[in-house]
């Protein structure tokens, strides 16, 4: 597909594109086909769909919960909300509410080995083996808030507050791992046989197996919100315009962003890194080293950016 779309998400509005293409557990690796559908979610149970990104149709969610994420994986759309709500759909048009058994804010979604796994506040772990219909609460062994979860190298790994790292081979039984930090862990990616985590106060952790972790020197004390890998480079972005790059996840170099605004997300597509953040900030770079400011036309917070092709 030659058409390229950059999708910017403002405030609490989340947007994805579905298609018949296989999806990875890492959002940075999503791909779509021309038969895809835009799906947007937001506050008060809002669900919108569009086949062209121009004309949008409101869909009935049956919920008044605030939706902050929609994800497409294993042929299923899942929405998770701030009050423990889970909705599923095979087409983005008709939605079914599922009983999660939790009222906690749900934050991470992943799929692997025939199992959906959701992570959330207060140590919440939920699993489903029947395509998101029935959910079972699992014992995580922590009361810390859990955020991003990925499935890579035949292992579920979830990160969260106070340096929390949990792993599981089956999504059911979880083991706490020593991170070596008490900082809030925020960003997570896997590339070149290496897990890389970014977090508050300049935290960078790496692991080859998801079990044993090593803290790396980032050279900054700013909070690092997200980390991504593309074009032979790890790139992490954070507060006060912080951008760092690394070829191996171990040694990091600070780059000049030209802004003091907080940067919250980074993606890569069509030969270009794109990062977004505070006050409508958008920066682009072909290599992660030299960055150029772009006009967004808004002063609103830009919280997320994804690339689909």
C-alpha atoms as a PDB file:
ATOM      1  CA  UNK A   1       0.000   0.000   0.000  1.00  0.00           C
ATOM      2  CA  UNK A   2       1.473   3.325  -1.037  1.00  0.00           C
ATOM      3  CA  UNK A   3      -0.791   5.592   0.936  1.00  0.00           C
ATOM      4  CA  UNK A   4       0.799   6.788   4.171  1.00  0.00           C
ATOM      5  CA  UNK A   5      -1.089   8.024   7.211  1.00  0.00           C
ATOM      6  CA  UNK A   6       0.257   9.727  10.295  1.00  0.00           C
ATOM      7  CA  UNK A   7      -2.323   9.569  13.063  1.00  0.00           C
ATOM      8  CA  UNK A   8      -2.082  12.075  15.905  1.00  0.00           C
ATOM      9  CA  UNK A   9      -4.137  11.536  19.050  1.00  0.00           C
ATOM     10  CA  UNK A  10      -5.175  14.528  21.132  1.00  0.00           C
ATOM     11  CA  UNK A  11      -5.951  14.500  24.859  1.00  0.00           C
ATOM     12  CA  UNK A  12      -7.721  11.264  25.874  1.00  0.00           C
ATOM     13  CA  UNK A  13      -8.794  10.299  22.354  1.00  0.00           C
ATOM     14  CA  UNK A  14      -7.306   7.050  21.115  1.00  0.00           C
ATOM     15  CA  UNK A  15      -7.331   5.844  17.537  1.00  0.00           C
ATOM     16  CA  UNK A  16      -6.295   2.726  15.689  1.00  0.00           C
ATOM     17  CA  UNK A  17      -6.705   1.114  12.285  1.00  0.00           C
ATOM     18  CA  UNK A  18      -7.815  -2.483  11.801  1.00  0.00           C
ATOM     19  CA  UNK A  19      -7.211  -4.815   8.931  1.00  0.00           C
ATOM     20  CA  UNK A  20      -6.565  -8.445   8.123  1.00  0.00           C
ATOM     21  CA  UNK A  21      -2.818  -7.988   8.646  1.00  0.00           C
ATOM     22  CA  UNK A  22      -1.111  -9.757  11.524  1.00  0.00           C
ATOM     23  CA  UNK A  23      -0.449  -7.545  14.539  1.00  0.00           C
ATOM     24  CA  UNK A  24       2.496  -7.598  16.893  1.00  0.00           C
ATOM     25  CA  UNK A  25       2.258  -7.175  20.666  1.00  0.00           C
ATOM     26  CA  UNK A  26       4.302  -4.018  20.280  1.00  0.00           C
ATOM     27  CA  UNK A  27       2.175  -1.076  19.088  1.00  0.00           C
ATOM     28  CA  UNK A  28       5.160   0.356  17.231  1.00  0.00           C
ATOM     29  CA  UNK A  29       5.043  -2.553  14.783  1.00  0.00           C
ATOM     30  CA  UNK A  30       1.428  -2.270  13.604  1.00  0.00           C
ATOM     31  CA  UNK A  31       0.669  -2.619   9.936  1.00  0.00           C
ATOM     32  CA  UNK A  32      -2.579  -2.396   8.017  1.00  0.00           C
ATOM     33  CA  UNK A  33      -3.977  -3.009   4.579  1.00  0.00           C
ATOM     34  CA  UNK A  34      -6.138  -0.823   2.376  1.00  0.00           C
ATOM     35  CA  UNK A  35      -9.260  -2.563   3.708  1.00  0.00           C
ATOM     36  CA  UNK A  36      -8.635  -1.165   7.186  1.00  0.00           C
ATOM     37  CA  UNK A  37     -11.037   0.743   9.402  1.00  0.00           C
ATOM     38  CA  UNK A  38     -10.264   3.700  11.622  1.00  0.00           C
ATOM     39  CA  UNK A  39     -11.602   3.258  15.149  1.00  0.00           C
ATOM     40  CA  UNK A  40     -11.495   6.086  17.671  1.00  0.00           C
ATOM     41  CA  UNK A  41     -12.471   5.978  21.338  1.00  0.00           C
ATOM     42  CA  UNK A  42     -12.797   8.622  24.032  1.00  0.00           C
ATOM     43  CA  UNK A  43     -14.605   9.857  27.103  1.00  0.00           C
ATOM     44  CA  UNK A  44     -18.171   8.939  28.104  1.00  0.00           C
ATOM     45  CA  UNK A  45     -18.249   5.716  26.096  1.00  0.00           C
ATOM     46  CA  UNK A  46     -17.394   7.359  22.764  1.00  0.00           C
ATOM     47  CA  UNK A  47     -16.677   5.046  19.814  1.00  0.00           C
ATOM     48  CA  UNK A  48     -16.269   6.415  16.277  1.00  0.00           C
ATOM     49  CA  UNK A  49     -15.455   4.602  13.042  1.00  0.00           C
ATOM     50  CA  UNK A  50     -14.417   5.730   9.578  1.00  0.00           C
ATOM     51  CA  UNK A  51     -13.384   3.978   6.390  1.00  0.00           C
ATOM     52  CA  UNK A  52     -11.536   7.019   5.027  1.00  0.00           C
ATOM     53  CA  UNK A  53     -10.560   9.093   8.076  1.00  0.00           C
ATOM     54  CA  UNK A  54     -12.805  11.918   6.853  1.00  0.00           C
ATOM     55  CA  UNK A  55     -16.387  10.863   7.516  1.00  0.00           C
ATOM     56  CA  UNK A  56     -17.028   9.465  10.980  1.00  0.00           C
ATOM     57  CA  UNK A  57     -19.927   7.469  12.407  1.00  0.00           C
ATOM     58  CA  UNK A  58     -20.791   7.191  16.092  1.00  0.00           C
ATOM     59  CA  UNK A  59     -21.226   3.634  17.362  1.00  0.00           C
ATOM     60  CA  UNK A  60     -23.188   2.439  20.371  1.00  0.00           C
ATOM     61  CA  UNK A  61     -20.925   1.320  23.189  1.00  0.00           C
ATOM     62  CA  UNK A  62     -23.536   0.880  25.908  1.00  0.00           C
ATOM     63  CA  UNK A  63     -21.094   2.368  28.397  1.00  0.00           C
ATOM     64  CA  UNK A  64     -20.448   5.755  29.975  1.00  0.00           C
ATOM     65  CA  UNK A  65     -16.898   4.862  30.966  1.00  0.00           C
ATOM     66  CA  UNK A  66     -13.943   6.874  29.702  1.00  0.00           C
ATOM     67  CA  UNK A  67     -12.124   4.852  27.043  1.00  0.00           C
ATOM     68  CA  UNK A  68      -8.410   5.568  26.742  1.00  0.00           C
ATOM     69  CA  UNK A  69      -7.172   2.768  24.488  1.00  0.00           C
ATOM     70  CA  UNK A  70      -8.332   0.596  21.626  1.00  0.00           C
ATOM     71  CA  UNK A  71      -6.157  -2.216  20.336  1.00  0.00           C
ATOM     72  CA  UNK A  72      -6.433  -4.680  17.470  1.00  0.00           C
ATOM     73  CA  UNK A  73      -4.794  -8.069  17.813  1.00  0.00           C
ATOM     74  CA  UNK A  74      -5.538 -11.653  16.781  1.00  0.00           C
ATOM     75  CA  UNK A  75      -8.508 -10.472  14.692  1.00  0.00           C
ATOM     76  CA  UNK A  76     -10.222  -8.783  17.648  1.00  0.00           C
ATOM     77  CA  UNK A  77     -10.732  -5.176  18.671  1.00  0.00           C
ATOM     78  CA  UNK A  78     -10.535  -4.551  22.409  1.00  0.00           C
ATOM     79  CA  UNK A  79     -11.352  -1.379  24.299  1.00  0.00           C
ATOM     80  CA  UNK A  80     -10.372  -0.919  27.906  1.00  0.00           C
ATOM     81  CA  UNK A  81     -11.632   1.820  30.192  1.00  0.00           C
ATOM     82  CA  UNK A  82     -10.932   3.722  33.369  1.00  0.00           C
ATOM     83  CA  UNK A  83     -13.449   1.797  35.483  1.00  0.00           C
ATOM     84  CA  UNK A  84     -12.581  -1.745  34.501  1.00  0.00           C
ATOM     85  CA  UNK A  85     -14.734  -1.890  31.382  1.00  0.00           C
ATOM     86  CA  UNK A  86     -13.810  -4.175  28.480  1.00  0.00           C
ATOM     87  CA  UNK A  87     -15.553  -4.112  25.094  1.00  0.00           C
ATOM     88  CA  UNK A  88     -14.845  -6.380  22.136  1.00  0.00           C
ATOM     89  CA  UNK A  89     -15.727  -6.289  18.453  1.00  0.00           C
ATOM     90  CA  UNK A  90     -14.800  -8.216  15.336  1.00  0.00           C
ATOM     91  CA  UNK A  91     -15.726  -5.394  12.950  1.00  0.00           C
ATOM     92  CA  UNK A  92     -15.595  -2.109  14.908  1.00  0.00           C
ATOM     93  CA  UNK A  93     -19.312  -1.577  14.303  1.00  0.00           C
ATOM     94  CA  UNK A  94     -21.058  -3.821  16.822  1.00  0.00           C
ATOM     95  CA  UNK A  95     -19.619  -3.873  20.314  1.00  0.00           C
ATOM     96  CA  UNK A  96     -20.157  -6.248  23.209  1.00  0.00           C
ATOM     97  CA  UNK A  97     -19.482  -5.379  26.832  1.00  0.00           C
ATOM     98  CA  UNK A  98     -17.514  -8.029  28.703  1.00  0.00           C
ATOM     99  CA  UNK A  99     -17.443  -8.587  32.439  1.00  0.00           C
ATOM    100  CA  UNK A 100     -13.936  -7.923  33.662  1.00  0.00           C
ATOM    101  CA  UNK A 101     -14.635  -8.477  37.334  1.00  0.00           C
ATOM    102  CA  UNK A 102     -12.559  -5.398  38.140  1.00  0.00           C
ATOM    103  CA  UNK A 103     -13.315  -1.730  38.698  1.00  0.00           C
ATOM    104  CA  UNK A 104      -9.657  -0.737  38.430  1.00  0.00           C
ATOM    105  CA  UNK A 105      -8.283   1.347  35.586  1.00  0.00           C
ATOM    106  CA  UNK A 106      -7.040  -1.016  32.866  1.00  0.00           C
ATOM    107  CA  UNK A 107      -3.923   0.082  31.003  1.00  0.00           C
ATOM    108  CA  UNK A 108      -2.039  -2.594  29.043  1.00  0.00           C
ATOM    109  CA  UNK A 109      -3.248  -5.184  26.513  1.00  0.00           C
ATOM    110  CA  UNK A 110      -1.242  -7.974  24.913  1.00  0.00           C
ATOM    111  CA  UNK A 111      -1.786 -11.309  23.176  1.00  0.00           C
ATOM    112  CA  UNK A 112       0.363 -14.404  23.002  1.00  0.00           C
ATOM    113  CA  UNK A 113       0.143 -18.196  22.996  1.00  0.00           C
ATOM    114  CA  UNK A 114      -3.638 -18.100  22.543  1.00  0.00           C
ATOM    115  CA  UNK A 115      -4.201 -15.786  25.505  1.00  0.00           C
ATOM    116  CA  UNK A 116      -5.257 -12.164  25.902  1.00  0.00           C
ATOM    117  CA  UNK A 117      -3.704 -10.472  28.940  1.00  0.00           C
ATOM    118  CA  UNK A 118      -4.674  -7.091  30.404  1.00  0.00           C
ATOM    119  CA  UNK A 119      -2.775  -5.209  33.109  1.00  0.00           C
ATOM    120  CA  UNK A 120      -4.035  -2.369  35.291  1.00  0.00           C
ATOM    121  CA  UNK A 121      -3.990  -0.455  38.545  1.00  0.00           C
ATOM    122  CA  UNK A 122      -3.546  -2.088  41.949  1.00  0.00           C
ATOM    123  CA  UNK A 123      -1.715  -5.072  40.473  1.00  0.00           C
ATOM    124  CA  UNK A 124      -4.574  -6.092  38.200  1.00  0.00           C
ATOM    125  CA  UNK A 125      -3.911  -8.937  35.757  1.00  0.00           C
ATOM    126  CA  UNK A 126      -6.788 -10.353  33.686  1.00  0.00           C
ATOM    127  CA  UNK A 127      -6.633 -13.156  31.136  1.00  0.00           C
ATOM    128  CA  UNK A 128      -8.967 -14.532  28.483  1.00  0.00           C
ATOM    129  CA  UNK A 129      -8.555 -17.712  26.446  1.00  0.00           C
ATOM    130  CA  UNK A 130     -11.861 -17.396  24.540  1.00  0.00           C
ATOM    131  CA  UNK A 131     -11.172 -14.359  22.375  1.00  0.00           C
ATOM    132  CA  UNK A 132     -11.908 -11.739  24.991  1.00  0.00           C
ATOM    133  CA  UNK A 133     -15.318 -13.056  26.079  1.00  0.00           C
ATOM    134  CA  UNK A 134     -14.629 -14.355  29.587  1.00  0.00           C
ATOM    135  CA  UNK A 135     -11.990 -12.817  31.827  1.00  0.00           C
ATOM    136  CA  UNK A 136     -10.262 -14.314  34.827  1.00  0.00           C
ATOM    137  CA  UNK A 137      -8.421 -12.356  37.511  1.00  0.00           C
ATOM    138  CA  UNK A 138      -4.900 -13.581  38.183  1.00  0.00           C
ATOM    139  CA  UNK A 139      -2.699 -13.082  41.211  1.00  0.00           C
ATOM    140  CA  UNK A 140       0.098 -10.700  40.299  1.00  0.00           C
ATOM    141  CA  UNK A 141       1.697 -10.588  43.729  1.00  0.00           C
ATOM    142  CA  UNK A 142       1.785  -6.783  43.766  1.00  0.00           C
ATOM    143  CA  UNK A 143      -0.545  -3.904  44.563  1.00  0.00           C
ATOM    144  CA  UNK A 144       1.448  -1.488  42.408  1.00  0.00           C
ATOM    145  CA  UNK A 145      -0.148  -0.005  39.314  1.00  0.00           C
ATOM    146  CA  UNK A 146       0.793  -1.997  36.212  1.00  0.00           C
ATOM    147  CA  UNK A 147       1.099  -0.241  32.881  1.00  0.00           C
ATOM    148  CA  UNK A 148       2.493  -1.528  29.610  1.00  0.00           C
ATOM    149  CA  UNK A 149       2.587  -5.245  28.840  1.00  0.00           C
ATOM    150  CA  UNK A 150       4.190  -7.001  25.867  1.00  0.00           C
ATOM    151  CA  UNK A 151       4.595 -10.573  24.694  1.00  0.00           C
ATOM    152  CA  UNK A 152       7.952 -11.249  23.114  1.00  0.00           C
ATOM    153  CA  UNK A 153      10.396 -14.151  23.051  1.00  0.00           C
ATOM    154  CA  UNK A 154       7.645 -16.477  24.374  1.00  0.00           C
ATOM    155  CA  UNK A 155       7.296 -14.350  27.519  1.00  0.00           C
ATOM    156  CA  UNK A 156       4.738 -11.895  28.881  1.00  0.00           C
ATOM    157  CA  UNK A 157       6.474  -8.961  30.587  1.00  0.00           C
ATOM    158  CA  UNK A 158       4.610  -6.181  32.391  1.00  0.00           C
ATOM    159  CA  UNK A 159       6.054  -3.002  33.917  1.00  0.00           C
ATOM    160  CA  UNK A 160       4.694  -0.419  36.321  1.00  0.00           C
ATOM    161  CA  UNK A 161       5.095   1.847  39.319  1.00  0.00           C
ATOM    162  CA  UNK A 162       7.934   1.594  41.843  1.00  0.00           C
ATOM    163  CA  UNK A 163      10.188  -0.305  39.447  1.00  0.00           C
ATOM    164  CA  UNK A 164       7.764  -3.213  39.127  1.00  0.00           C
ATOM    165  CA  UNK A 165       8.591  -5.876  36.533  1.00  0.00           C
ATOM    166  CA  UNK A 166       6.597  -9.109  36.334  1.00  0.00           C
ATOM    167  CA  UNK A 167       7.034 -12.008  33.910  1.00  0.00           C
ATOM    168  CA  UNK A 168       4.964 -15.010  32.953  1.00  0.00           C
ATOM    169  CA  UNK A 169       5.297 -17.760  30.375  1.00  0.00           C
ATOM    170  CA  UNK A 170       1.570 -18.540  30.439  1.00  0.00           C
ATOM    171  CA  UNK A 171      -0.132 -15.310  31.597  1.00  0.00           C
ATOM    172  CA  UNK A 172      -1.454 -17.118  34.665  1.00  0.00           C
ATOM    173  CA  UNK A 173       1.440 -17.495  37.082  1.00  0.00           C
ATOM    174  CA  UNK A 174       3.526 -14.359  37.562  1.00  0.00           C
ATOM    175  CA  UNK A 175       6.995 -13.827  38.947  1.00  0.00           C
ATOM    176  CA  UNK A 176       8.408 -10.593  40.299  1.00  0.00           C
ATOM    177  CA  UNK A 177      11.756  -9.587  38.861  1.00  0.00           C
ATOM    178  CA  UNK A 178      14.397  -7.325  40.377  1.00  0.00           C
ATOM    179  CA  UNK A 179      14.590  -4.104  38.391  1.00  0.00           C
ATOM    180  CA  UNK A 180      17.146  -2.376  40.606  1.00  0.00           C
ATOM    181  CA  UNK A 181      15.079   0.810  40.687  1.00  0.00           C
ATOM    182  CA  UNK A 182      12.047   2.240  42.469  1.00  0.00           C
ATOM    183  CA  UNK A 183      11.232   4.618  39.619  1.00  0.00           C
ATOM    184  CA  UNK A 184       7.995   4.616  37.597  1.00  0.00           C
ATOM    185  CA  UNK A 185       8.613   2.489  34.479  1.00  0.00           C
ATOM    186  CA  UNK A 186       6.752   3.904  31.468  1.00  0.00           C
ATOM    187  CA  UNK A 187       8.125   2.901  28.050  1.00  0.00           C
ATOM    188  CA  UNK A 188       8.825  -0.585  26.748  1.00  0.00           C
ATOM    189  CA  UNK A 189      10.049  -2.160  23.524  1.00  0.00           C
ATOM    190  CA  UNK A 190      11.807  -5.282  22.261  1.00  0.00           C
ATOM    191  CA  UNK A 191      14.254  -5.343  19.367  1.00  0.00           C
ATOM    192  CA  UNK A 192      17.545  -7.005  18.416  1.00  0.00           C
ATOM    193  CA  UNK A 193      16.938  -9.675  21.076  1.00  0.00           C
ATOM    194  CA  UNK A 194      16.891  -6.956  23.746  1.00  0.00           C
ATOM    195  CA  UNK A 195      14.142  -5.708  26.038  1.00  0.00           C
ATOM    196  CA  UNK A 196      14.485  -1.961  26.728  1.00  0.00           C
ATOM    197  CA  UNK A 197      12.505  -0.041  29.370  1.00  0.00           C
ATOM    198  CA  UNK A 198      12.429   3.726  29.918  1.00  0.00           C
ATOM    199  CA  UNK A 199      11.130   5.484  33.011  1.00  0.00           C
ATOM    200  CA  UNK A 200      11.230   8.377  35.417  1.00  0.00           C
ATOM    201  CA  UNK A 201      14.419  10.219  36.387  1.00  0.00           C
ATOM    202  CA  UNK A 202      16.178   9.065  33.231  1.00  0.00           C
ATOM    203  CA  UNK A 203      15.800   5.366  33.970  1.00  0.00           C
ATOM    204  CA  UNK A 204      16.897   2.938  31.243  1.00  0.00           C
ATOM    205  CA  UNK A 205      16.856  -0.834  31.851  1.00  0.00           C
ATOM    206  CA  UNK A 206      17.847  -3.613  29.449  1.00  0.00           C
ATOM    207  CA  UNK A 207      17.518  -7.390  29.450  1.00  0.00           C
ATOM    208  CA  UNK A 208      18.203 -10.216  27.040  1.00  0.00           C
ATOM    209  CA  UNK A 209      15.644 -12.552  28.605  1.00  0.00           C
ATOM    210  CA  UNK A 210      13.098 -10.341  30.442  1.00  0.00           C
ATOM    211  CA  UNK A 211      14.213 -11.867  33.730  1.00  0.00           C
ATOM    212  CA  UNK A 212      17.547 -10.305  34.627  1.00  0.00           C
ATOM    213  CA  UNK A 213      17.749  -6.533  34.226  1.00  0.00           C
ATOM    214  CA  UNK A 214      20.641  -4.091  34.028  1.00  0.00           C
ATOM    215  CA  UNK A 215      20.355  -0.363  34.653  1.00  0.00           C
ATOM    216  CA  UNK A 216      22.029   1.800  32.019  1.00  0.00           C
ATOM    217  CA  UNK A 217      23.340   5.354  32.193  1.00  0.00           C
ATOM    218  CA  UNK A 218      21.069   7.633  30.177  1.00  0.00           C
ATOM    219  CA  UNK A 219      22.809  10.915  30.943  1.00  0.00           C
ATOM    220  CA  UNK A 220      19.571  12.644  31.952  1.00  0.00           C
ATOM    221  CA  UNK A 221      17.405  12.950  35.046  1.00  0.00           C
ATOM    222  CA  UNK A 222      14.288  13.799  33.045  1.00  0.00           C
ATOM    223  CA  UNK A 223      11.342  11.406  32.901  1.00  0.00           C
ATOM    224  CA  UNK A 224      11.465   9.228  29.779  1.00  0.00           C
ATOM    225  CA  UNK A 225       7.955   8.445  28.552  1.00  0.00           C
ATOM    226  CA  UNK A 226       8.399   6.109  25.619  1.00  0.00           C
ATOM    227  CA  UNK A 227      11.062   4.144  23.794  1.00  0.00           C
ATOM    228  CA  UNK A 228      10.922   2.786  20.262  1.00  0.00           C
ATOM    229  CA  UNK A 229      13.237   1.005  17.844  1.00  0.00           C
ATOM    230  CA  UNK A 230      13.533   1.571  14.110  1.00  0.00           C
ATOM    231  CA  UNK A 231      16.126   2.240  11.430  1.00  0.00           C
ATOM    232  CA  UNK A 232      18.848   0.536  13.523  1.00  0.00           C
ATOM    233  CA  UNK A 233      18.296   2.876  16.455  1.00  0.00           C
ATOM    234  CA  UNK A 234      16.543   2.945  19.812  1.00  0.00           C
ATOM    235  CA  UNK A 235      14.956   6.350  20.455  1.00  0.00           C
ATOM    236  CA  UNK A 236      13.480   7.483  23.770  1.00  0.00           C
ATOM    237  CA  UNK A 237      11.694  10.787  24.444  1.00  0.00           C
ATOM    238  CA  UNK A 238      10.708  12.572  27.630  1.00  0.00           C
ATOM    239  CA  UNK A 239      10.226  15.715  29.672  1.00  0.00           C
ATOM    240  CA  UNK A 240      11.781  19.069  28.772  1.00  0.00           C
ATOM    241  CA  UNK A 241      12.302  18.062  25.150  1.00  0.00           C
ATOM    242  CA  UNK A 242      14.586  15.156  25.992  1.00  0.00           C
ATOM    243  CA  UNK A 243      15.547  12.854  23.105  1.00  0.00           C
ATOM    244  CA  UNK A 244      18.126  10.097  23.474  1.00  0.00           C
ATOM    245  CA  UNK A 245      19.344   7.553  20.916  1.00  0.00           C
ATOM    246  CA  UNK A 246      21.239   4.279  21.121  1.00  0.00           C
ATOM    247  CA  UNK A 247      22.317   1.609  18.672  1.00  0.00           C
ATOM    248  CA  UNK A 248      22.315  -1.151  21.290  1.00  0.00           C
ATOM    249  CA  UNK A 249      20.137   0.047  24.205  1.00  0.00           C
ATOM    250  CA  UNK A 250      23.228   0.245  26.414  1.00  0.00           C
ATOM    251  CA  UNK A 251      25.069   3.458  25.490  1.00  0.00           C
ATOM    252  CA  UNK A 252      22.880   6.536  24.996  1.00  0.00           C
ATOM    253  CA  UNK A 253      23.480   9.908  23.346  1.00  0.00           C
ATOM    254  CA  UNK A 254      21.412  13.029  24.012  1.00  0.00           C
ATOM    255  CA  UNK A 255      20.125  14.805  20.909  1.00  0.00           C
ATOM    256  CA  UNK A 256      19.087  18.432  20.425  1.00  0.00           C
ATOM    257  CA  UNK A 257      15.310  18.629  20.075  1.00  0.00           C
ATOM    258  CA  UNK A 258      15.013  22.411  19.910  1.00  0.00           C
ATOM    259  CA  UNK A 259      12.128  22.436  22.389  1.00  0.00           C
ATOM    260  CA  UNK A 260      11.662  22.452  26.153  1.00  0.00           C
ATOM    261  CA  UNK A 261       8.160  20.998  25.868  1.00  0.00           C
ATOM    262  CA  UNK A 262       7.509  17.526  27.236  1.00  0.00           C
ATOM    263  CA  UNK A 263       7.596  14.796  24.573  1.00  0.00           C
ATOM    264  CA  UNK A 264       5.287  11.843  25.238  1.00  0.00           C
ATOM    265  CA  UNK A 265       5.351   9.461  22.273  1.00  0.00           C
ATOM    266  CA  UNK A 266       7.634   8.509  19.392  1.00  0.00           C
ATOM    267  CA  UNK A 267       7.007   6.386  16.303  1.00  0.00           C
ATOM    268  CA  UNK A 268       8.663   5.622  12.974  1.00  0.00           C
ATOM    269  CA  UNK A 269       7.325   5.232   9.460  1.00  0.00           C
ATOM    270  CA  UNK A 270       8.023   6.031   5.831  1.00  0.00           C
ATOM    271  CA  UNK A 271      11.672   6.744   6.675  1.00  0.00           C
ATOM    272  CA  UNK A 272      10.850   9.207   9.436  1.00  0.00           C
ATOM    273  CA  UNK A 273      10.803   9.329  13.236  1.00  0.00           C
ATOM    274  CA  UNK A 274       7.937  11.422  14.619  1.00  0.00           C
ATOM    275  CA  UNK A 275       7.561  12.557  18.232  1.00  0.00           C
ATOM    276  CA  UNK A 276       4.656  14.507  19.743  1.00  0.00           C
ATOM    277  CA  UNK A 277       4.007  16.232  23.038  1.00  0.00           C
ATOM    278  CA  UNK A 278       3.031  19.305  25.009  1.00  0.00           C
ATOM    279  CA  UNK A 279       1.385  22.358  23.407  1.00  0.00           C
ATOM    280  CA  UNK A 280       0.917  20.707  20.024  1.00  0.00           C
ATOM    281  CA  UNK A 281       4.595  19.878  19.605  1.00  0.00           C
ATOM    282  CA  UNK A 282       5.543  17.724  16.613  1.00  0.00           C
ATOM    283  CA  UNK A 283       9.145  16.979  15.671  1.00  0.00           C
ATOM    284  CA  UNK A 284      10.456  14.791  12.851  1.00  0.00           C
ATOM    285  CA  UNK A 285      13.795  13.206  12.070  1.00  0.00           C
ATOM    286  CA  UNK A 286      15.079  10.858   9.364  1.00  0.00           C
ATOM    287  CA  UNK A 287      17.705   9.337  11.661  1.00  0.00           C
ATOM    288  CA  UNK A 288      16.775  10.164  15.275  1.00  0.00           C
ATOM    289  CA  UNK A 289      19.733  12.530  15.466  1.00  0.00           C
ATOM    290  CA  UNK A 290      18.651  15.765  13.780  1.00  0.00           C
ATOM    291  CA  UNK A 291      15.129  16.973  14.572  1.00  0.00           C
ATOM    292  CA  UNK A 292      12.899  19.508  12.808  1.00  0.00           C
ATOM    293  CA  UNK A 293       9.814  21.207  14.361  1.00  0.00           C
ATOM    294  CA  UNK A 294       6.577  20.900  12.409  1.00  0.00           C
ATOM    295  CA  UNK A 295       3.413  22.995  12.535  1.00  0.00           C
ATOM    296  CA  UNK A 296       0.601  21.008  14.142  1.00  0.00           C
ATOM    297  CA  UNK A 297      -2.052  23.743  14.003  1.00  0.00           C
ATOM    298  CA  UNK A 298      -3.051  23.111  17.614  1.00  0.00           C
ATOM    299  CA  UNK A 299      -1.861  24.040  21.083  1.00  0.00           C
ATOM    300  CA  UNK A 300      -3.554  20.984  22.606  1.00  0.00           C
ATOM    301  CA  UNK A 301      -1.551  18.212  24.200  1.00  0.00           C
ATOM    302  CA  UNK A 302      -0.599  15.563  21.669  1.00  0.00           C
ATOM    303  CA  UNK A 303      -0.396  12.372  23.701  1.00  0.00           C
ATOM    304  CA  UNK A 304       0.191   9.714  21.098  1.00  0.00           C
ATOM    305  CA  UNK A 305       1.247   9.102  17.515  1.00  0.00           C
ATOM    306  CA  UNK A 306       1.165   5.888  15.463  1.00  0.00           C
ATOM    307  CA  UNK A 307       2.107   5.090  11.898  1.00  0.00           C
ATOM    308  CA  UNK A 308       0.176   2.761   9.634  1.00  0.00           C
ATOM    309  CA  UNK A 309       0.826   1.708   6.059  1.00  0.00           C
END
